[in-house]
Amino acid sequence: AFLVWRTGGLEAAIASHVINNVFVYVIASLTT
């Protein structure tokens, strides 16, 4: 939300959420 507020758009917040989820899913697929 802070990213949305400071950058004036949703793009950075969406990108950060996507990157976070990609890392989580990759780690999950490699470990459990």
PDB file of all heavy atoms in Angstrom:
ATOM      1  N   ALA A   1       0.836  -1.207   0.000  1.00  0.00           N
ATOM      2  CA  ALA A   1       0.000   0.000   0.000  1.00  0.00           C
ATOM      3  C   ALA A   1       0.870   1.257   0.000  1.00  0.00           C
ATOM      4  O   ALA A   1       0.560   2.244  -0.677  1.00  0.00           O
ATOM      5  CB  ALA A   1      -0.936  -0.009   1.204  1.00  0.00           C
ATOM      6  N   PHE A   2       1.968   1.210   0.748  1.00  0.00           N
ATOM      7  CA  PHE A   2       2.897   2.341   0.756  1.00  0.00           C
ATOM      8  C   PHE A   2       3.482   2.568  -0.638  1.00  0.00           C
ATOM      9  O   PHE A   2       3.620   3.711  -1.083  1.00  0.00           O
ATOM     10  CB  PHE A   2       4.009   2.091   1.776  1.00  0.00           C
ATOM     11  CG  PHE A   2       4.968   3.231   1.911  1.00  0.00           C
ATOM     12  CD1 PHE A   2       4.600   4.396   2.551  1.00  0.00           C
ATOM     13  CD2 PHE A   2       6.255   3.142   1.392  1.00  0.00           C
ATOM     14  CE1 PHE A   2       5.485   5.452   2.676  1.00  0.00           C
ATOM     15  CE2 PHE A   2       7.145   4.183   1.507  1.00  0.00           C
ATOM     16  CZ  PHE A   2       6.765   5.346   2.149  1.00  0.00           C
ATOM     17  N   LEU A   3       3.798   1.470  -1.337  1.00  0.00           N
ATOM     18  CA  LEU A   3       4.301   1.595  -2.709  1.00  0.00           C
ATOM     19  C   LEU A   3       3.272   2.263  -3.619  1.00  0.00           C
ATOM     20  O   LEU A   3       3.616   3.124  -4.430  1.00  0.00           O
ATOM     21  CB  LEU A   3       4.655   0.218  -3.278  1.00  0.00           C
ATOM     22  CG  LEU A   3       6.068  -0.270  -3.096  1.00  0.00           C
ATOM     23  CD1 LEU A   3       6.209  -1.689  -3.629  1.00  0.00           C
ATOM     24  CD2 LEU A   3       7.053   0.648  -3.775  1.00  0.00           C
ATOM     25  N   VAL A   4       2.017   1.859  -3.498  1.00  0.00           N
ATOM     26  CA  VAL A   4       0.958   2.474  -4.305  1.00  0.00           C
ATOM     27  C   VAL A   4       0.892   3.962  -4.003  1.00  0.00           C
ATOM     28  O   VAL A   4       0.811   4.799  -4.910  1.00  0.00           O
ATOM     29  CB  VAL A   4      -0.406   1.797  -4.039  1.00  0.00           C
ATOM     30  CG1 VAL A   4      -1.541   2.566  -4.693  1.00  0.00           C
ATOM     31  CG2 VAL A   4      -0.393   0.358  -4.530  1.00  0.00           C
ATOM     32  N   TRP A   5       0.912   4.305  -2.746  1.00  0.00           N
ATOM     33  CA  TRP A   5       0.799   5.698  -2.318  1.00  0.00           C
ATOM     34  C   TRP A   5       1.972   6.529  -2.824  1.00  0.00           C
ATOM     35  O   TRP A   5       1.798   7.620  -3.350  1.00  0.00           O
ATOM     36  CB  TRP A   5       0.708   5.723  -0.803  1.00  0.00           C
ATOM     37  CG  TRP A   5       0.539   7.067  -0.171  1.00  0.00           C
ATOM     38  CD1 TRP A   5       0.072   8.219  -0.762  1.00  0.00           C
ATOM     39  CD2 TRP A   5       0.838   7.417   1.175  1.00  0.00           C
ATOM     40  NE1 TRP A   5       0.056   9.236   0.144  1.00  0.00           N
ATOM     41  CE2 TRP A   5       0.518   8.775   1.346  1.00  0.00           C
ATOM     42  CE3 TRP A   5       1.324   6.705   2.256  1.00  0.00           C
ATOM     43  CZ2 TRP A   5       0.671   9.436   2.556  1.00  0.00           C
ATOM     44  CZ3 TRP A   5       1.477   7.368   3.456  1.00  0.00           C
ATOM     45  CH2 TRP A   5       1.151   8.712   3.599  1.00  0.00           C
ATOM     46  N   ARG A   6       3.200   6.016  -2.680  1.00  0.00           N
ATOM     47  CA  ARG A   6       4.387   6.795  -3.023  1.00  0.00           C
ATOM     48  C   ARG A   6       4.703   6.817  -4.516  1.00  0.00           C
ATOM     49  O   ARG A   6       5.324   7.754  -4.995  1.00  0.00           O
ATOM     50  CB  ARG A   6       5.600   6.285  -2.254  1.00  0.00           C
ATOM     51  CG  ARG A   6       5.471   6.415  -0.756  1.00  0.00           C
ATOM     52  CD  ARG A   6       5.194   7.835  -0.288  1.00  0.00           C
ATOM     53  NE  ARG A   6       6.308   8.678  -0.658  1.00  0.00           N
ATOM     54  CZ  ARG A   6       6.235   9.994  -0.762  1.00  0.00           C
ATOM     55  NH1 ARG A   6       5.124  10.625  -0.536  1.00  0.00           N
ATOM     56  NH2 ARG A   6       7.288  10.682  -1.110  1.00  0.00           N
ATOM     57  N   THR A   7       4.328   5.751  -5.242  1.00  0.00           N
ATOM     58  CA  THR A   7       4.637   5.731  -6.674  1.00  0.00           C
ATOM     59  C   THR A   7       3.489   6.272  -7.510  1.00  0.00           C
ATOM     60  O   THR A   7       3.662   6.550  -8.690  1.00  0.00           O
ATOM     61  CB  THR A   7       4.981   4.305  -7.164  1.00  0.00           C
ATOM     62  OG1 THR A   7       3.837   3.461  -6.999  1.00  0.00           O
ATOM     63  CG2 THR A   7       6.175   3.743  -6.423  1.00  0.00           C
ATOM     64  N   GLY A   8       2.312   6.363  -6.929  1.00  0.00           N
ATOM     65  CA  GLY A   8       1.165   6.898  -7.664  1.00  0.00           C
ATOM     66  C   GLY A   8       0.489   5.880  -8.563  1.00  0.00           C
ATOM     67  O   GLY A   8      -0.325   6.239  -9.412  1.00  0.00           O
ATOM     68  N   GLY A   9       0.810   4.602  -8.429  1.00  0.00           N
ATOM     69  CA  GLY A   9       0.192   3.579  -9.272  1.00  0.00           C
ATOM     70  C   GLY A   9       0.275   2.210  -8.628  1.00  0.00           C
ATOM     71  O   GLY A   9       0.986   1.997  -7.645  1.00  0.00           O
ATOM     72  N   LEU A  10      -0.436   1.276  -9.219  1.00  0.00           N
ATOM     73  CA  LEU A  10      -0.487  -0.085  -8.694  1.00  0.00           C
ATOM     74  C   LEU A  10       0.664  -0.967  -9.166  1.00  0.00           C
ATOM     75  O   LEU A  10       0.900  -2.028  -8.603  1.00  0.00           O
ATOM     76  CB  LEU A  10      -1.800  -0.753  -9.125  1.00  0.00           C
ATOM     77  CG  LEU A  10      -3.088  -0.153  -8.586  1.00  0.00           C
ATOM     78  CD1 LEU A  10      -4.289  -0.792  -9.273  1.00  0.00           C
ATOM     79  CD2 LEU A  10      -3.163  -0.341  -7.090  1.00  0.00           C
ATOM     80  N   GLU A  11       1.363  -0.541 -10.196  1.00  0.00           N
ATOM     81  CA  GLU A  11       2.332  -1.407 -10.868  1.00  0.00           C
ATOM     82  C   GLU A  11       3.408  -1.972  -9.945  1.00  0.00           C
ATOM     83  O   GLU A  11       3.674  -3.181  -9.954  1.00  0.00           O
ATOM     84  CB  GLU A  11       3.002  -0.651 -12.032  1.00  0.00           C
ATOM     85  CG  GLU A  11       2.057  -0.186 -13.101  1.00  0.00           C
ATOM     86  CD  GLU A  11       1.383   1.147 -12.795  1.00  0.00           C
ATOM     87  OE1 GLU A  11       1.624   1.747 -11.740  1.00  0.00           O
ATOM     88  OE2 GLU A  11       0.583   1.586 -13.642  1.00  0.00           O
ATOM     89  N   ALA A  12       4.049  -1.134  -9.158  1.00  0.00           N
ATOM     90  CA  ALA A  12       5.134  -1.604  -8.291  1.00  0.00           C
ATOM     91  C   ALA A  12       4.617  -2.562  -7.226  1.00  0.00           C
ATOM     92  O   ALA A  12       5.264  -3.563  -6.913  1.00  0.00           O
ATOM     93  CB  ALA A  12       5.850  -0.422  -7.639  1.00  0.00           C
ATOM     94  N   ALA A  13       3.450  -2.277  -6.657  1.00  0.00           N
ATOM     95  CA  ALA A  13       2.876  -3.158  -5.638  1.00  0.00           C
ATOM     96  C   ALA A  13       2.490  -4.510  -6.239  1.00  0.00           C
ATOM     97  O   ALA A  13       2.728  -5.553  -5.626  1.00  0.00           O
ATOM     98  CB  ALA A  13       1.671  -2.495  -4.987  1.00  0.00           C
ATOM     99  N   ILE A  14       1.918  -4.485  -7.427  1.00  0.00           N
ATOM    100  CA  ILE A  14       1.555  -5.738  -8.095  1.00  0.00           C
ATOM    101  C   ILE A  14       2.819  -6.536  -8.417  1.00  0.00           C
ATOM    102  O   ILE A  14       2.877  -7.747  -8.178  1.00  0.00           O
ATOM    103  CB  ILE A  14       0.727  -5.465  -9.361  1.00  0.00           C
ATOM    104  CG1 ILE A  14      -0.657  -4.932  -8.971  1.00  0.00           C
ATOM    105  CG2 ILE A  14       0.600  -6.721 -10.221  1.00  0.00           C
ATOM    106  CD1 ILE A  14      -1.475  -4.410 -10.148  1.00  0.00           C
ATOM    107  N   ALA A  15       3.832  -5.865  -8.936  1.00  0.00           N
ATOM    108  CA  ALA A  15       5.088  -6.555  -9.268  1.00  0.00           C
ATOM    109  C   ALA A  15       5.719  -7.171  -8.024  1.00  0.00           C
ATOM    110  O   ALA A  15       6.186  -8.315  -8.057  1.00  0.00           O
ATOM    111  CB  ALA A  15       6.062  -5.584  -9.924  1.00  0.00           C
ATOM    112  N   SER A  16       5.703  -6.441  -6.917  1.00  0.00           N
ATOM    113  CA  SER A  16       6.300  -6.988  -5.695  1.00  0.00           C
ATOM    114  C   SER A  16       5.517  -8.189  -5.182  1.00  0.00           C
ATOM    115  O   SER A  16       6.107  -9.171  -4.732  1.00  0.00           O
ATOM    116  CB  SER A  16       6.398  -5.911  -4.615  1.00  0.00           C
ATOM    117  OG  SER A  16       5.127  -5.434  -4.260  1.00  0.00           O
ATOM    118  N   HIS A  17       4.209  -8.154  -5.297  1.00  0.00           N
ATOM    119  CA  HIS A  17       3.390  -9.293  -4.865  1.00  0.00           C
ATOM    120  C   HIS A  17       3.637 -10.501  -5.773  1.00  0.00           C
ATOM    121  O   HIS A  17       3.767 -11.630  -5.292  1.00  0.00           O
ATOM    122  CB  HIS A  17       1.909  -8.903  -4.883  1.00  0.00           C
ATOM    123  CG  HIS A  17       1.017  -9.886  -4.209  1.00  0.00           C
ATOM    124  ND1 HIS A  17       0.448 -10.944  -4.878  1.00  0.00           N
ATOM    125  CD2 HIS A  17       0.588  -9.973  -2.931  1.00  0.00           C
ATOM    126  CE1 HIS A  17      -0.303 -11.634  -4.035  1.00  0.00           C
ATOM    127  NE2 HIS A  17      -0.230 -11.069  -2.841  1.00  0.00           N
ATOM    128  N   VAL A  18       3.741 -10.264  -7.061  1.00  0.00           N
ATOM    129  CA  VAL A  18       4.012 -11.357  -8.010  1.00  0.00           C
ATOM    130  C   VAL A  18       5.378 -11.975  -7.736  1.00  0.00           C
ATOM    131  O   VAL A  18       5.513 -13.207  -7.672  1.00  0.00           O
ATOM    132  CB  VAL A  18       3.906 -10.851  -9.470  1.00  0.00           C
ATOM    133  CG1 VAL A  18       4.477 -11.862 -10.449  1.00  0.00           C
ATOM    134  CG2 VAL A  18       2.463 -10.531  -9.819  1.00  0.00           C
ATOM    135  N   ILE A  19       6.394 -11.140  -7.565  1.00  0.00           N
ATOM    136  CA  ILE A  19       7.740 -11.647  -7.302  1.00  0.00           C
ATOM    137  C   ILE A  19       7.758 -12.447  -6.002  1.00  0.00           C
ATOM    138  O   ILE A  19       8.343 -13.532  -5.933  1.00  0.00           O
ATOM    139  CB  ILE A  19       8.760 -10.498  -7.276  1.00  0.00           C
ATOM    140  CG1 ILE A  19       8.943  -9.949  -8.694  1.00  0.00           C
ATOM    141  CG2 ILE A  19      10.093 -10.938  -6.677  1.00  0.00           C
ATOM    142  CD1 ILE A  19       9.702  -8.651  -8.767  1.00  0.00           C
ATOM    143  N   ASN A  20       7.110 -11.928  -4.970  1.00  0.00           N
ATOM    144  CA  ASN A  20       7.029 -12.645  -3.697  1.00  0.00           C
ATOM    145  C   ASN A  20       6.382 -14.017  -3.892  1.00  0.00           C
ATOM    146  O   ASN A  20       6.893 -15.032  -3.424  1.00  0.00           O
ATOM    147  CB  ASN A  20       6.242 -11.816  -2.687  1.00  0.00           C
ATOM    148  CG  ASN A  20       6.200 -12.460  -1.324  1.00  0.00           C
ATOM    149  OD1 ASN A  20       7.201 -12.545  -0.637  1.00  0.00           O
ATOM    150  ND2 ASN A  20       5.025 -12.936  -0.941  1.00  0.00           N
ATOM    151  N   ASN A  21       5.255 -14.059  -4.594  1.00  0.00           N
ATOM    152  CA  ASN A  21       4.552 -15.327  -4.796  1.00  0.00           C
ATOM    153  C   ASN A  21       5.341 -16.296  -5.669  1.00  0.00           C
ATOM    154  O   ASN A  21       5.332 -17.502  -5.417  1.00  0.00           O
ATOM    155  CB  ASN A  21       3.169 -15.080  -5.383  1.00  0.00           C
ATOM    156  CG  ASN A  21       2.204 -14.518  -4.363  1.00  0.00           C
ATOM    157  OD1 ASN A  21       2.554 -14.307  -3.199  1.00  0.00           O
ATOM    158  ND2 ASN A  21       0.990 -14.248  -4.785  1.00  0.00           N
ATOM    159  N   VAL A  22       6.037 -15.791  -6.670  1.00  0.00           N
ATOM    160  CA  VAL A  22       6.854 -16.663  -7.510  1.00  0.00           C
ATOM    161  C   VAL A  22       7.946 -17.328  -6.670  1.00  0.00           C
ATOM    162  O   VAL A  22       8.152 -18.539  -6.763  1.00  0.00           O
ATOM    163  CB  VAL A  22       7.459 -15.894  -8.709  1.00  0.00           C
ATOM    164  CG1 VAL A  22       8.574 -16.689  -9.379  1.00  0.00           C
ATOM    165  CG2 VAL A  22       6.376 -15.546  -9.716  1.00  0.00           C
ATOM    166  N   PHE A  23       8.620 -16.541  -5.833  1.00  0.00           N
ATOM    167  CA  PHE A  23       9.640 -17.120  -4.965  1.00  0.00           C
ATOM    168  C   PHE A  23       9.041 -18.179  -4.043  1.00  0.00           C
ATOM    169  O   PHE A  23       9.611 -19.254  -3.875  1.00  0.00           O
ATOM    170  CB  PHE A  23      10.338 -16.037  -4.128  1.00  0.00           C
ATOM    171  CG  PHE A  23      11.450 -15.352  -4.853  1.00  0.00           C
ATOM    172  CD1 PHE A  23      11.370 -13.997  -5.129  1.00  0.00           C
ATOM    173  CD2 PHE A  23      12.587 -16.038  -5.250  1.00  0.00           C
ATOM    174  CE1 PHE A  23      12.396 -13.353  -5.804  1.00  0.00           C
ATOM    175  CE2 PHE A  23      13.615 -15.412  -5.921  1.00  0.00           C
ATOM    176  CZ  PHE A  23      13.520 -14.056  -6.203  1.00  0.00           C
ATOM    177  N   VAL A  24       7.903 -17.885  -3.447  1.00  0.00           N
ATOM    178  CA  VAL A  24       7.262 -18.832  -2.530  1.00  0.00           C
ATOM    179  C   VAL A  24       6.894 -20.117  -3.264  1.00  0.00           C
ATOM    180  O   VAL A  24       7.137 -21.222  -2.762  1.00  0.00           O
ATOM    181  CB  VAL A  24       6.025 -18.197  -1.871  1.00  0.00           C
ATOM    182  CG1 VAL A  24       5.201 -19.226  -1.124  1.00  0.00           C
ATOM    183  CG2 VAL A  24       6.452 -17.084  -0.917  1.00  0.00           C
ATOM    184  N   TYR A  25       6.303 -20.001  -4.452  1.00  0.00           N
ATOM    185  CA  TYR A  25       5.897 -21.187  -5.207  1.00  0.00           C
ATOM    186  C   TYR A  25       7.105 -21.987  -5.694  1.00  0.00           C
ATOM    187  O   TYR A  25       7.064 -23.219  -5.694  1.00  0.00           O
ATOM    188  CB  TYR A  25       4.990 -20.810  -6.383  1.00  0.00           C
ATOM    189  CG  TYR A  25       3.555 -20.626  -5.976  1.00  0.00           C
ATOM    190  CD1 TYR A  25       3.075 -19.389  -5.582  1.00  0.00           C
ATOM    191  CD2 TYR A  25       2.676 -21.699  -5.971  1.00  0.00           C
ATOM    192  CE1 TYR A  25       1.757 -19.216  -5.199  1.00  0.00           C
ATOM    193  CE2 TYR A  25       1.353 -21.543  -5.591  1.00  0.00           C
ATOM    194  CZ  TYR A  25       0.904 -20.299  -5.210  1.00  0.00           C
ATOM    195  OH  TYR A  25      -0.405 -20.136  -4.822  1.00  0.00           O
ATOM    196  N   VAL A  26       8.171 -21.311  -6.105  1.00  0.00           N
ATOM    197  CA  VAL A  26       9.372 -22.034  -6.551  1.00  0.00           C
ATOM    198  C   VAL A  26       9.991 -22.786  -5.380  1.00  0.00           C
ATOM    199  O   VAL A  26      10.328 -23.973  -5.501  1.00  0.00           O
ATOM    200  CB  VAL A  26      10.390 -21.071  -7.204  1.00  0.00           C
ATOM    201  CG1 VAL A  26      11.749 -21.739  -7.372  1.00  0.00           C
ATOM    202  CG2 VAL A  26       9.868 -20.577  -8.539  1.00  0.00           C
ATOM    203  N   ILE A  27      10.126 -22.120  -4.246  1.00  0.00           N
ATOM    204  CA  ILE A  27      10.690 -22.786  -3.067  1.00  0.00           C
ATOM    205  C   ILE A  27       9.810 -23.962  -2.653  1.00  0.00           C
ATOM    206  O   ILE A  27      10.310 -25.051  -2.338  1.00  0.00           O
ATOM    207  CB  ILE A  27      10.881 -21.785  -1.912  1.00  0.00           C
ATOM    208  CG1 ILE A  27      12.001 -20.806  -2.271  1.00  0.00           C
ATOM    209  CG2 ILE A  27      11.180 -22.494  -0.605  1.00  0.00           C
ATOM    210  CD1 ILE A  27      12.104 -19.613  -1.360  1.00  0.00           C
ATOM    211  N   ALA A  28       8.487 -23.770  -2.669  1.00  0.00           N
ATOM    212  CA  ALA A  28       7.570 -24.860  -2.291  1.00  0.00           C
ATOM    213  C   ALA A  28       7.686 -26.029  -3.252  1.00  0.00           C
ATOM    214  O   ALA A  28       7.680 -27.183  -2.828  1.00  0.00           O
ATOM    215  CB  ALA A  28       6.137 -24.343  -2.250  1.00  0.00           C
ATOM    216  N   SER A  29       7.815 -25.755  -4.533  1.00  0.00           N
ATOM    217  CA  SER A  29       7.888 -26.850  -5.498  1.00  0.00           C
ATOM    218  C   SER A  29       9.212 -27.604  -5.400  1.00  0.00           C
ATOM    219  O   SER A  29       9.282 -28.785  -5.739  1.00  0.00           O
ATOM    220  CB  SER A  29       7.670 -26.333  -6.915  1.00  0.00           C
ATOM    221  OG  SER A  29       8.726 -25.472  -7.300  1.00  0.00           O
ATOM    222  N   LEU A  30      10.243 -26.936  -4.922  1.00  0.00           N
ATOM    223  CA  LEU A  30      11.546 -27.596  -4.787  1.00  0.00           C
ATOM    224  C   LEU A  30      11.729 -28.302  -3.449  1.00  0.00           C
ATOM    225  O   LEU A  30      12.581 -29.183  -3.327  1.00  0.00           O
ATOM    226  CB  LEU A  30      12.673 -26.574  -4.963  1.00  0.00           C
ATOM    227  CG  LEU A  30      12.792 -25.934  -6.341  1.00  0.00           C
ATOM    228  CD1 LEU A  30      13.850 -24.846  -6.326  1.00  0.00           C
ATOM    229  CD2 LEU A  30      13.106 -26.983  -7.400  1.00  0.00           C
ATOM    230  N   THR A  31      10.960 -27.927  -2.429  1.00  0.00           N
ATOM    231  CA  THR A  31      11.169 -28.490  -1.095  1.00  0.00           C
ATOM    232  C   THR A  31      10.036 -29.398  -0.639  1.00  0.00           C
ATOM    233  O   THR A  31      10.285 -30.515  -0.222  1.00  0.00           O
ATOM    234  CB  THR A  31      11.374 -27.369  -0.062  1.00  0.00           C
ATOM    235  OG1 THR A  31      10.247 -26.493  -0.084  1.00  0.00           O
ATOM    236  CG2 THR A  31      12.641 -26.589  -0.346  1.00  0.00           C
ATOM    237  N   THR A  32       8.822 -28.919  -0.662  1.00  0.00           N
ATOM    238  CA  THR A  32       7.700 -29.745  -0.173  1.00  0.00           C
ATOM    239  C   THR A  32       6.723 -29.945  -1.314  1.00  0.00           C
ATOM    240  O   THR A  32       6.969 -30.726  -2.198  1.00  0.00           O
ATOM    241  CB  THR A  32       7.009 -29.087   1.028  1.00  0.00           C
ATOM    242  OG1 THR A  32       6.570 -27.770   0.661  1.00  0.00           O
ATOM    243  CG2 THR A  32       7.933 -28.991   2.227  1.00  0.00           C
TER     244      THR A  32
END
